């Protein structure tokens, strides 16, 4: 019998950041989590420094200097990966997600995407976008299952999903860090 995932989004503070970094180093390819940095492949000092700076900058939220917010994806108390939102232009946010290898294929990505889409709508966004590679069929399937329209542009697959604004009564259950107007 398969278990039912219990997914929630948790704010990234310094202790959560170190837990995310530990998961990333043990259970994810660095190219799935960071840009290519430093010499060689694998986790190196430059990638670790970038990872920490990125999540610390995003701690200020969508209204902060980076215009970005990241969360840890938590499944039944276990850290599974991270998901983010970034304002790209008025009414539009971009999302990105990574999951540790041992958490993939269990439906966690779809549940996390639904939660972040609700957070985006609550923050006033009307469009959620994402980008992936043509080879990342799993990400494309995830985005399609959420109702996104996909198109290939300049060697990248772009996804676009229209968001409905939530009724006021549902905003109380949003993840911390999302403005409740």
N, C-alpha and C. Protein backbone atom coordinates (compact mmCIF):
# COMPACT_ATOMS: atom_id res chain seq x y z
N UNK A 1 0.85 -1.18 0.00
CA UNK A 1 0.00 0.00 0.00
C UNK A 1 0.89 1.23 0.00
N UNK A 2 0.62 2.18 -0.90
CA UNK A 2 1.45 3.38 -0.96
C UNK A 2 0.95 4.41 0.05
N UNK A 3 1.90 5.20 0.52
CA UNK A 3 1.54 6.21 1.51
C UNK A 3 1.07 7.48 0.82
N UNK A 4 0.31 8.28 1.51
CA UNK A 4 -0.18 9.56 1.00
C UNK A 4 0.78 10.65 1.49
N UNK A 5 1.43 11.37 0.57
CA UNK A 5 2.36 12.41 1.00
C UNK A 5 1.67 13.52 1.80
N UNK A 6 2.35 14.02 2.81
CA UNK A 6 1.87 15.14 3.62
C UNK A 6 2.82 16.30 3.39
N UNK A 7 2.59 17.04 2.31
CA UNK A 7 3.52 18.07 1.88
C UNK A 7 3.09 19.44 2.40
N UNK A 8 4.10 20.17 2.88
CA UNK A 8 3.90 21.57 3.25
C UNK A 8 5.15 22.34 2.85
N UNK A 9 5.02 23.65 2.76
CA UNK A 9 6.16 24.51 2.47
C UNK A 9 6.58 25.18 3.76
N UNK A 10 7.87 25.15 4.04
CA UNK A 10 8.41 25.75 5.27
C UNK A 10 9.38 26.86 4.89
N UNK A 11 9.29 27.97 5.62
CA UNK A 11 10.23 29.06 5.40
C UNK A 11 11.66 28.58 5.56
N UNK A 12 12.55 29.16 4.80
CA UNK A 12 13.97 28.84 4.93
C UNK A 12 14.61 29.87 5.85
N UNK A 13 14.98 29.42 7.05
CA UNK A 13 15.79 30.23 7.96
C UNK A 13 17.17 29.58 8.00
N UNK A 14 18.08 30.08 8.83
CA UNK A 14 19.44 29.52 8.81
C UNK A 14 19.49 28.03 9.16
N UNK A 15 18.79 27.55 10.20
CA UNK A 15 18.82 26.10 10.44
C UNK A 15 18.23 25.28 9.28
N UNK A 16 17.14 25.75 8.70
CA UNK A 16 16.54 25.05 7.56
C UNK A 16 17.48 25.09 6.36
N UNK A 17 18.17 26.20 6.17
CA UNK A 17 19.12 26.32 5.08
C UNK A 17 20.19 25.24 5.16
N UNK A 18 20.71 25.00 6.36
CA UNK A 18 21.75 23.97 6.51
C UNK A 18 21.18 22.57 6.28
N UNK A 19 19.92 22.35 6.64
CA UNK A 19 19.29 21.06 6.37
C UNK A 19 19.09 20.86 4.86
N UNK A 20 18.68 21.93 4.17
CA UNK A 20 18.52 21.87 2.72
C UNK A 20 19.86 21.59 2.04
N UNK A 21 20.90 22.29 2.48
CA UNK A 21 22.22 22.09 1.90
C UNK A 21 22.68 20.64 2.10
N UNK A 22 22.45 20.10 3.28
CA UNK A 22 22.81 18.71 3.55
C UNK A 22 22.09 17.76 2.61
N UNK A 23 20.79 17.97 2.41
CA UNK A 23 20.03 17.14 1.49
C UNK A 23 20.57 17.28 0.08
N UNK A 24 20.81 18.52 -0.35
CA UNK A 24 21.30 18.75 -1.71
C UNK A 24 22.63 18.03 -1.95
N UNK A 25 23.53 18.12 -0.98
CA UNK A 25 24.84 17.50 -1.15
C UNK A 25 24.76 15.98 -1.17
N UNK A 26 23.84 15.41 -0.43
CA UNK A 26 23.73 13.95 -0.35
C UNK A 26 22.81 13.34 -1.40
N UNK A 27 21.83 14.12 -1.88
CA UNK A 27 20.75 13.49 -2.64
C UNK A 27 20.37 14.23 -3.93
N UNK A 28 21.22 15.15 -4.39
CA UNK A 28 20.92 15.86 -5.64
C UNK A 28 22.22 16.16 -6.38
N UNK A 29 22.14 16.17 -7.67
CA UNK A 29 23.27 16.57 -8.49
C UNK A 29 23.40 18.09 -8.36
N UNK A 30 24.62 18.62 -8.17
CA UNK A 30 24.75 20.06 -8.01
C UNK A 30 24.22 20.86 -9.20
N UNK A 31 24.28 20.29 -10.41
CA UNK A 31 23.75 21.01 -11.58
C UNK A 31 22.24 21.14 -11.54
N UNK A 32 21.55 20.36 -10.72
CA UNK A 32 20.10 20.47 -10.56
C UNK A 32 19.73 21.57 -9.57
N UNK A 33 20.72 22.01 -8.79
CA UNK A 33 20.44 22.89 -7.66
C UNK A 33 21.12 24.26 -7.78
N UNK A 34 22.29 24.30 -8.41
CA UNK A 34 23.06 25.54 -8.53
C UNK A 34 23.52 25.74 -9.97
N UNK A 35 23.92 26.96 -10.30
CA UNK A 35 24.56 27.15 -11.61
C UNK A 35 25.95 26.52 -11.59
N UNK A 36 26.52 26.27 -12.77
CA UNK A 36 27.88 25.72 -12.79
C UNK A 36 28.86 26.76 -12.26
N UNK A 37 29.57 26.42 -11.21
CA UNK A 37 30.51 27.34 -10.56
C UNK A 37 31.77 26.59 -10.18
N UNK A 38 32.90 27.29 -10.16
CA UNK A 38 34.14 26.69 -9.70
C UNK A 38 34.72 25.72 -10.71
N UNK A 39 35.79 25.09 -10.31
CA UNK A 39 36.48 24.13 -11.15
C UNK A 39 35.95 22.73 -10.90
N UNK A 40 35.88 21.98 -11.97
CA UNK A 40 35.48 20.58 -11.84
C UNK A 40 33.98 20.42 -11.69
N UNK A 41 33.60 19.20 -11.37
CA UNK A 41 32.19 18.88 -11.18
C UNK A 41 31.95 18.60 -9.71
N UNK A 42 30.72 18.43 -9.36
CA UNK A 42 30.38 18.10 -7.99
C UNK A 42 30.22 19.33 -7.12
N UNK A 43 29.97 19.08 -5.86
CA UNK A 43 29.81 20.15 -4.89
C UNK A 43 31.19 20.70 -4.54
N UNK A 44 31.35 22.01 -4.68
CA UNK A 44 32.61 22.66 -4.34
C UNK A 44 32.31 23.90 -3.51
N UNK A 45 33.32 24.58 -3.04
CA UNK A 45 33.14 25.74 -2.16
C UNK A 45 32.32 26.83 -2.83
N UNK A 46 32.51 27.06 -4.12
CA UNK A 46 31.77 28.11 -4.83
C UNK A 46 30.28 27.79 -4.90
N UNK A 47 29.96 26.53 -5.17
CA UNK A 47 28.54 26.15 -5.24
C UNK A 47 27.89 26.23 -3.86
N UNK A 48 28.60 25.81 -2.83
CA UNK A 48 28.05 25.88 -1.48
C UNK A 48 27.84 27.33 -1.06
N UNK A 49 28.79 28.19 -1.37
CA UNK A 49 28.65 29.62 -1.05
C UNK A 49 27.46 30.22 -1.79
N UNK A 50 27.33 29.89 -3.09
CA UNK A 50 26.20 30.39 -3.87
C UNK A 50 24.89 29.92 -3.26
N UNK A 51 24.78 28.64 -2.92
CA UNK A 51 23.56 28.07 -2.36
C UNK A 51 23.14 28.83 -1.11
N UNK A 52 24.08 29.04 -0.20
CA UNK A 52 23.75 29.76 1.04
C UNK A 52 23.33 31.20 0.76
N UNK A 53 24.07 31.89 -0.09
CA UNK A 53 23.75 33.29 -0.40
C UNK A 53 22.38 33.39 -1.06
N UNK A 54 22.11 32.51 -2.00
CA UNK A 54 20.84 32.52 -2.71
C UNK A 54 19.67 32.41 -1.72
N UNK A 55 19.71 31.42 -0.85
CA UNK A 55 18.60 31.22 0.08
C UNK A 55 18.54 32.32 1.13
N UNK A 56 19.67 32.84 1.55
CA UNK A 56 19.65 33.96 2.50
C UNK A 56 19.05 35.21 1.86
N UNK A 57 19.40 35.50 0.62
CA UNK A 57 18.82 36.64 -0.09
C UNK A 57 17.30 36.48 -0.23
N UNK A 58 16.85 35.25 -0.45
CA UNK A 58 15.42 34.98 -0.64
C UNK A 58 14.63 35.01 0.67
N UNK A 59 15.33 35.03 1.80
CA UNK A 59 14.63 35.07 3.09
C UNK A 59 13.80 36.34 3.25
N UNK A 60 14.16 37.41 2.53
CA UNK A 60 13.41 38.67 2.61
C UNK A 60 12.07 38.60 1.88
N UNK A 61 11.87 37.59 1.05
CA UNK A 61 10.59 37.39 0.38
C UNK A 61 10.44 38.16 -0.91
N UNK A 62 9.25 38.04 -1.50
CA UNK A 62 8.97 38.64 -2.80
C UNK A 62 9.10 40.16 -2.80
N UNK A 63 8.94 40.79 -1.66
CA UNK A 63 9.07 42.25 -1.58
C UNK A 63 10.48 42.68 -1.18
N UNK A 64 11.38 41.72 -0.98
CA UNK A 64 12.76 42.03 -0.63
C UNK A 64 13.57 42.42 -1.86
N UNK A 65 14.84 42.71 -1.64
CA UNK A 65 15.72 43.18 -2.71
C UNK A 65 15.83 42.19 -3.87
N UNK A 66 15.83 40.89 -3.57
CA UNK A 66 15.96 39.90 -4.65
C UNK A 66 14.64 39.60 -5.34
N UNK A 67 13.52 40.10 -4.78
CA UNK A 67 12.18 39.84 -5.33
C UNK A 67 11.91 38.34 -5.45
N UNK A 68 12.44 37.58 -4.49
CA UNK A 68 12.38 36.14 -4.55
C UNK A 68 12.11 35.56 -3.16
N UNK A 69 11.44 34.42 -3.12
CA UNK A 69 11.15 33.70 -1.88
C UNK A 69 11.37 32.23 -2.14
N UNK A 70 12.05 31.55 -1.22
CA UNK A 70 12.22 30.11 -1.35
C UNK A 70 11.67 29.42 -0.11
N UNK A 71 11.23 28.20 -0.30
CA UNK A 71 10.72 27.38 0.78
C UNK A 71 11.37 26.01 0.72
N UNK A 72 11.44 25.36 1.85
CA UNK A 72 11.78 23.94 1.88
C UNK A 72 10.49 23.18 1.65
N UNK A 73 10.56 22.11 0.88
CA UNK A 73 9.44 21.21 0.70
C UNK A 73 9.58 20.14 1.78
N UNK A 74 8.57 20.05 2.63
CA UNK A 74 8.62 19.14 3.76
C UNK A 74 7.53 18.08 3.57
N UNK A 75 7.92 16.83 3.67
CA UNK A 75 6.98 15.72 3.53
C UNK A 75 6.99 14.92 4.83
N UNK A 76 5.94 15.08 5.62
CA UNK A 76 5.84 14.33 6.87
C UNK A 76 7.01 14.57 7.81
N UNK A 77 7.54 15.78 7.83
CA UNK A 77 8.65 16.12 8.70
C UNK A 77 10.02 15.96 8.07
N UNK A 78 10.09 15.35 6.88
CA UNK A 78 11.37 15.16 6.20
C UNK A 78 11.55 16.23 5.12
N UNK A 79 12.74 16.83 5.06
CA UNK A 79 13.04 17.81 4.03
C UNK A 79 13.24 17.06 2.72
N UNK A 80 12.49 17.45 1.68
CA UNK A 80 12.51 16.73 0.40
C UNK A 80 13.17 17.53 -0.71
N UNK A 81 13.24 18.85 -0.57
CA UNK A 81 13.77 19.70 -1.63
C UNK A 81 13.39 21.14 -1.38
N UNK A 82 13.38 21.92 -2.45
CA UNK A 82 13.09 23.35 -2.34
C UNK A 82 12.28 23.81 -3.55
N UNK A 83 11.48 24.84 -3.32
CA UNK A 83 10.71 25.47 -4.39
C UNK A 83 10.78 26.97 -4.17
N UNK A 84 10.67 27.72 -5.26
CA UNK A 84 10.83 29.17 -5.15
C UNK A 84 9.84 29.91 -6.03
N UNK A 85 9.70 31.20 -5.72
CA UNK A 85 9.00 32.15 -6.58
C UNK A 85 9.90 33.36 -6.76
N UNK A 86 9.88 33.94 -7.96
CA UNK A 86 10.61 35.18 -8.23
C UNK A 86 9.73 36.07 -9.09
N UNK A 87 9.58 37.33 -8.65
CA UNK A 87 8.85 38.29 -9.48
C UNK A 87 9.70 38.60 -10.70
N UNK A 88 9.09 38.49 -11.88
CA UNK A 88 9.83 38.79 -13.10
C UNK A 88 9.31 40.05 -13.79
N UNK A 89 8.04 40.33 -13.59
CA UNK A 89 7.41 41.57 -14.09
C UNK A 89 6.05 41.68 -13.41
N UNK A 90 5.38 42.81 -13.53
CA UNK A 90 4.10 42.96 -12.81
C UNK A 90 3.13 41.82 -13.12
N UNK A 91 2.64 41.19 -12.06
CA UNK A 91 1.66 40.12 -12.18
C UNK A 91 2.23 38.76 -12.57
N UNK A 92 3.53 38.68 -12.78
CA UNK A 92 4.14 37.43 -13.25
C UNK A 92 5.24 37.00 -12.28
N UNK A 93 5.21 35.73 -11.90
CA UNK A 93 6.28 35.15 -11.08
C UNK A 93 6.77 33.88 -11.77
N UNK A 94 8.02 33.58 -11.50
CA UNK A 94 8.62 32.35 -12.02
C UNK A 94 8.86 31.40 -10.86
N UNK A 95 8.68 30.12 -11.11
CA UNK A 95 8.95 29.12 -10.09
C UNK A 95 10.05 28.18 -10.55
N UNK A 96 10.68 27.57 -9.60
CA UNK A 96 11.68 26.54 -9.85
C UNK A 96 11.63 25.57 -8.68
N UNK A 97 11.96 24.33 -8.93
CA UNK A 97 11.86 23.30 -7.91
C UNK A 97 12.99 22.29 -8.08
N UNK A 98 13.48 21.77 -6.98
CA UNK A 98 14.35 20.59 -7.03
C UNK A 98 13.96 19.68 -5.87
N UNK A 99 14.05 18.41 -6.12
CA UNK A 99 13.78 17.40 -5.11
C UNK A 99 15.00 16.48 -5.02
N UNK A 100 15.29 16.02 -3.80
CA UNK A 100 16.30 14.99 -3.65
C UNK A 100 15.89 13.76 -4.43
N UNK A 101 16.87 13.05 -4.96
CA UNK A 101 16.58 11.86 -5.78
C UNK A 101 15.66 10.87 -5.06
N UNK A 102 15.85 10.69 -3.77
CA UNK A 102 15.05 9.69 -3.04
C UNK A 102 13.60 10.12 -2.82
N UNK A 103 13.26 11.37 -3.19
CA UNK A 103 11.89 11.87 -3.01
C UNK A 103 11.15 11.99 -4.34
N UNK A 104 11.81 11.71 -5.42
CA UNK A 104 11.20 11.86 -6.75
C UNK A 104 10.25 10.72 -7.05
N UNK A 105 9.26 11.01 -7.91
CA UNK A 105 8.33 9.98 -8.34
C UNK A 105 7.26 9.61 -7.33
N UNK A 106 7.08 10.44 -6.30
CA UNK A 106 6.09 10.16 -5.25
C UNK A 106 4.93 11.15 -5.23
N UNK A 107 4.91 12.09 -6.18
CA UNK A 107 3.85 13.08 -6.23
C UNK A 107 4.13 14.34 -5.43
N UNK A 108 5.30 14.43 -4.80
CA UNK A 108 5.62 15.59 -3.97
C UNK A 108 5.75 16.87 -4.80
N UNK A 109 6.33 16.75 -5.99
CA UNK A 109 6.51 17.92 -6.84
C UNK A 109 5.19 18.56 -7.22
N UNK A 110 4.22 17.73 -7.57
CA UNK A 110 2.90 18.26 -7.94
C UNK A 110 2.21 18.95 -6.77
N UNK A 111 2.32 18.35 -5.59
CA UNK A 111 1.71 18.96 -4.41
C UNK A 111 2.40 20.27 -4.05
N UNK A 112 3.73 20.29 -4.13
CA UNK A 112 4.47 21.53 -3.83
C UNK A 112 4.14 22.61 -4.86
N UNK A 113 4.00 22.22 -6.13
CA UNK A 113 3.66 23.19 -7.17
C UNK A 113 2.28 23.80 -6.92
N UNK A 114 1.32 23.01 -6.48
CA UNK A 114 -0.01 23.54 -6.15
C UNK A 114 0.08 24.55 -5.00
N UNK A 115 0.89 24.24 -3.98
CA UNK A 115 1.04 25.15 -2.84
C UNK A 115 1.71 26.45 -3.26
N UNK A 116 2.74 26.37 -4.08
CA UNK A 116 3.43 27.59 -4.49
C UNK A 116 2.57 28.41 -5.46
N UNK A 117 1.76 27.74 -6.28
CA UNK A 117 0.84 28.48 -7.16
C UNK A 117 -0.19 29.25 -6.33
N UNK A 118 -0.69 28.64 -5.25
CA UNK A 118 -1.61 29.34 -4.36
C UNK A 118 -0.92 30.53 -3.69
N UNK A 119 0.33 30.35 -3.28
CA UNK A 119 1.09 31.45 -2.68
C UNK A 119 1.30 32.58 -3.69
N UNK A 120 1.58 32.21 -4.93
CA UNK A 120 1.77 33.22 -5.98
C UNK A 120 0.50 34.02 -6.21
N UNK A 121 -0.63 33.32 -6.31
CA UNK A 121 -1.91 34.01 -6.50
C UNK A 121 -2.22 34.92 -5.32
N UNK A 122 -1.95 34.45 -4.12
CA UNK A 122 -2.21 35.26 -2.93
C UNK A 122 -1.34 36.50 -2.89
N UNK A 123 -0.17 36.42 -3.52
CA UNK A 123 0.74 37.58 -3.58
C UNK A 123 0.37 38.51 -4.73
N UNK A 124 -0.70 38.18 -5.47
CA UNK A 124 -1.18 39.06 -6.52
C UNK A 124 -0.76 38.68 -7.93
N UNK A 125 -0.05 37.60 -8.08
CA UNK A 125 0.37 37.17 -9.42
C UNK A 125 -0.82 36.58 -10.18
N UNK A 126 -0.85 36.82 -11.46
CA UNK A 126 -1.88 36.24 -12.32
C UNK A 126 -1.31 35.19 -13.27
N UNK A 127 0.03 35.15 -13.36
CA UNK A 127 0.69 34.18 -14.23
C UNK A 127 1.88 33.58 -13.49
N UNK A 128 2.01 32.25 -13.58
CA UNK A 128 3.15 31.52 -13.04
C UNK A 128 3.90 30.94 -14.22
N UNK A 129 5.20 31.20 -14.28
CA UNK A 129 6.03 30.69 -15.36
C UNK A 129 7.12 29.79 -14.80
N UNK A 130 7.67 28.96 -15.67
CA UNK A 130 8.79 28.11 -15.30
C UNK A 130 9.57 27.81 -16.57
N UNK A 131 10.82 27.43 -16.40
CA UNK A 131 11.66 27.03 -17.54
C UNK A 131 12.37 25.75 -17.17
N UNK A 132 12.56 24.89 -18.16
CA UNK A 132 13.31 23.66 -17.97
C UNK A 132 14.01 23.32 -19.28
N UNK A 133 14.71 22.23 -19.28
CA UNK A 133 15.41 21.80 -20.48
C UNK A 133 14.54 20.85 -21.29
N UNK A 134 14.79 20.75 -22.60
CA UNK A 134 14.03 19.79 -23.40
C UNK A 134 14.21 18.35 -22.92
N UNK A 135 15.33 18.03 -22.29
CA UNK A 135 15.59 16.67 -21.82
C UNK A 135 14.88 16.35 -20.50
N UNK A 136 14.42 17.36 -19.77
CA UNK A 136 13.80 17.12 -18.46
C UNK A 136 12.32 16.82 -18.62
N UNK A 137 12.05 15.59 -19.04
CA UNK A 137 10.66 15.15 -19.29
C UNK A 137 9.82 15.13 -18.01
N UNK A 138 10.44 14.82 -16.88
CA UNK A 138 9.70 14.78 -15.62
C UNK A 138 9.17 16.18 -15.26
N UNK A 139 10.01 17.20 -15.41
CA UNK A 139 9.56 18.57 -15.12
C UNK A 139 8.47 18.98 -16.09
N UNK A 140 8.60 18.62 -17.35
CA UNK A 140 7.57 18.97 -18.33
C UNK A 140 6.24 18.30 -17.98
N UNK A 141 6.29 17.05 -17.58
CA UNK A 141 5.06 16.33 -17.19
C UNK A 141 4.44 16.98 -15.96
N UNK A 142 5.26 17.36 -14.99
CA UNK A 142 4.77 18.03 -13.79
C UNK A 142 4.05 19.32 -14.15
N UNK A 143 4.66 20.12 -15.00
CA UNK A 143 4.08 21.41 -15.39
C UNK A 143 2.79 21.21 -16.20
N UNK A 144 2.79 20.24 -17.11
CA UNK A 144 1.57 19.95 -17.88
C UNK A 144 0.44 19.50 -16.96
N UNK A 145 0.77 18.66 -15.97
CA UNK A 145 -0.27 18.15 -15.07
C UNK A 145 -0.89 19.26 -14.23
N UNK A 146 -0.14 20.35 -14.04
CA UNK A 146 -0.67 21.50 -13.30
C UNK A 146 -1.52 22.40 -14.19
N UNK A 147 -1.55 22.09 -15.50
CA UNK A 147 -2.35 22.88 -16.42
C UNK A 147 -1.56 23.92 -17.19
N UNK A 148 -0.24 23.89 -17.10
CA UNK A 148 0.59 24.87 -17.81
C UNK A 148 0.63 24.56 -19.30
N UNK A 149 0.78 25.61 -20.08
CA UNK A 149 1.02 25.51 -21.51
C UNK A 149 2.52 25.57 -21.73
N UNK A 150 3.06 24.62 -22.48
CA UNK A 150 4.50 24.54 -22.71
C UNK A 150 4.83 24.93 -24.14
N UNK A 151 5.97 25.60 -24.29
CA UNK A 151 6.48 25.95 -25.62
C UNK A 151 8.00 25.90 -25.57
N UNK A 152 8.60 25.58 -26.71
CA UNK A 152 10.05 25.53 -26.77
C UNK A 152 10.55 26.83 -27.37
N UNK A 153 11.49 27.46 -26.65
CA UNK A 153 12.06 28.73 -27.07
C UNK A 153 13.56 28.71 -26.86
N UNK A 154 14.33 28.89 -27.91
CA UNK A 154 15.79 29.00 -27.85
C UNK A 154 16.43 27.90 -26.99
N UNK A 155 16.06 26.66 -27.23
CA UNK A 155 16.67 25.55 -26.52
C UNK A 155 16.19 25.34 -25.10
N UNK A 156 15.12 26.02 -24.71
CA UNK A 156 14.54 25.89 -23.38
C UNK A 156 13.05 25.61 -23.52
N UNK A 157 12.50 24.89 -22.60
CA UNK A 157 11.05 24.67 -22.56
C UNK A 157 10.48 25.64 -21.54
N UNK A 158 9.57 26.50 -21.99
CA UNK A 158 8.94 27.50 -21.13
C UNK A 158 7.51 27.04 -20.83
N UNK A 159 7.12 27.23 -19.58
CA UNK A 159 5.76 26.88 -19.15
C UNK A 159 5.07 28.14 -18.65
N UNK A 160 3.78 28.20 -18.90
CA UNK A 160 2.98 29.37 -18.48
C UNK A 160 1.65 28.86 -17.96
N UNK A 161 1.29 29.31 -16.76
CA UNK A 161 0.06 28.87 -16.11
C UNK A 161 -0.68 30.10 -15.59
N UNK A 162 -1.93 30.28 -16.01
CA UNK A 162 -2.76 31.35 -15.49
C UNK A 162 -3.22 31.01 -14.08
N UNK A 163 -3.23 32.03 -13.21
CA UNK A 163 -3.61 31.83 -11.81
C UNK A 163 -4.90 32.57 -11.50
N UNK A 164 -5.73 31.94 -10.72
CA UNK A 164 -6.95 32.59 -10.23
C UNK A 164 -6.63 33.23 -8.89
N UNK A 165 -7.19 34.38 -8.64
CA UNK A 165 -7.00 35.02 -7.35
C UNK A 165 -7.85 34.31 -6.31
N UNK A 166 -7.24 33.96 -5.17
CA UNK A 166 -7.99 33.21 -4.15
C UNK A 166 -8.98 34.10 -3.41
N UNK A 167 -10.07 33.50 -2.92
CA UNK A 167 -10.97 34.26 -2.06
C UNK A 167 -10.24 34.66 -0.78
N UNK A 168 -10.61 35.78 -0.22
CA UNK A 168 -9.96 36.31 0.98
C UNK A 168 -9.92 35.29 2.12
N UNK A 169 -10.95 34.50 2.29
CA UNK A 169 -11.02 33.59 3.44
C UNK A 169 -9.96 32.50 3.40
N UNK A 170 -9.35 32.22 2.24
CA UNK A 170 -8.34 31.17 2.15
C UNK A 170 -6.93 31.67 2.42
N UNK A 171 -6.72 32.97 2.51
CA UNK A 171 -5.36 33.49 2.66
C UNK A 171 -4.74 33.17 4.00
N UNK A 172 -5.51 32.91 5.02
CA UNK A 172 -4.96 32.64 6.35
C UNK A 172 -4.07 31.40 6.38
N UNK A 173 -4.25 30.48 5.44
CA UNK A 173 -3.48 29.24 5.45
C UNK A 173 -2.24 29.28 4.55
N UNK A 174 -1.90 30.46 4.05
CA UNK A 174 -0.74 30.57 3.17
C UNK A 174 0.56 30.40 3.95
N UNK A 175 1.61 29.95 3.23
CA UNK A 175 2.91 29.85 3.90
C UNK A 175 3.36 31.21 4.40
N UNK A 176 4.11 31.22 5.49
CA UNK A 176 4.63 32.46 6.05
C UNK A 176 5.48 33.17 5.01
N UNK A 177 5.49 34.48 5.05
CA UNK A 177 6.29 35.26 4.12
C UNK A 177 5.52 35.74 2.91
N UNK A 178 4.27 35.28 2.75
CA UNK A 178 3.44 35.74 1.65
C UNK A 178 2.53 36.82 2.22
N UNK A 179 2.57 38.00 1.62
CA UNK A 179 1.74 39.09 2.14
C UNK A 179 0.26 38.73 2.10
N UNK A 180 -0.41 39.04 3.17
CA UNK A 180 -1.85 38.80 3.23
C UNK A 180 -2.54 40.14 3.20
N UNK A 181 -3.10 40.47 2.06
CA UNK A 181 -3.67 41.80 1.85
C UNK A 181 -5.09 41.88 2.36
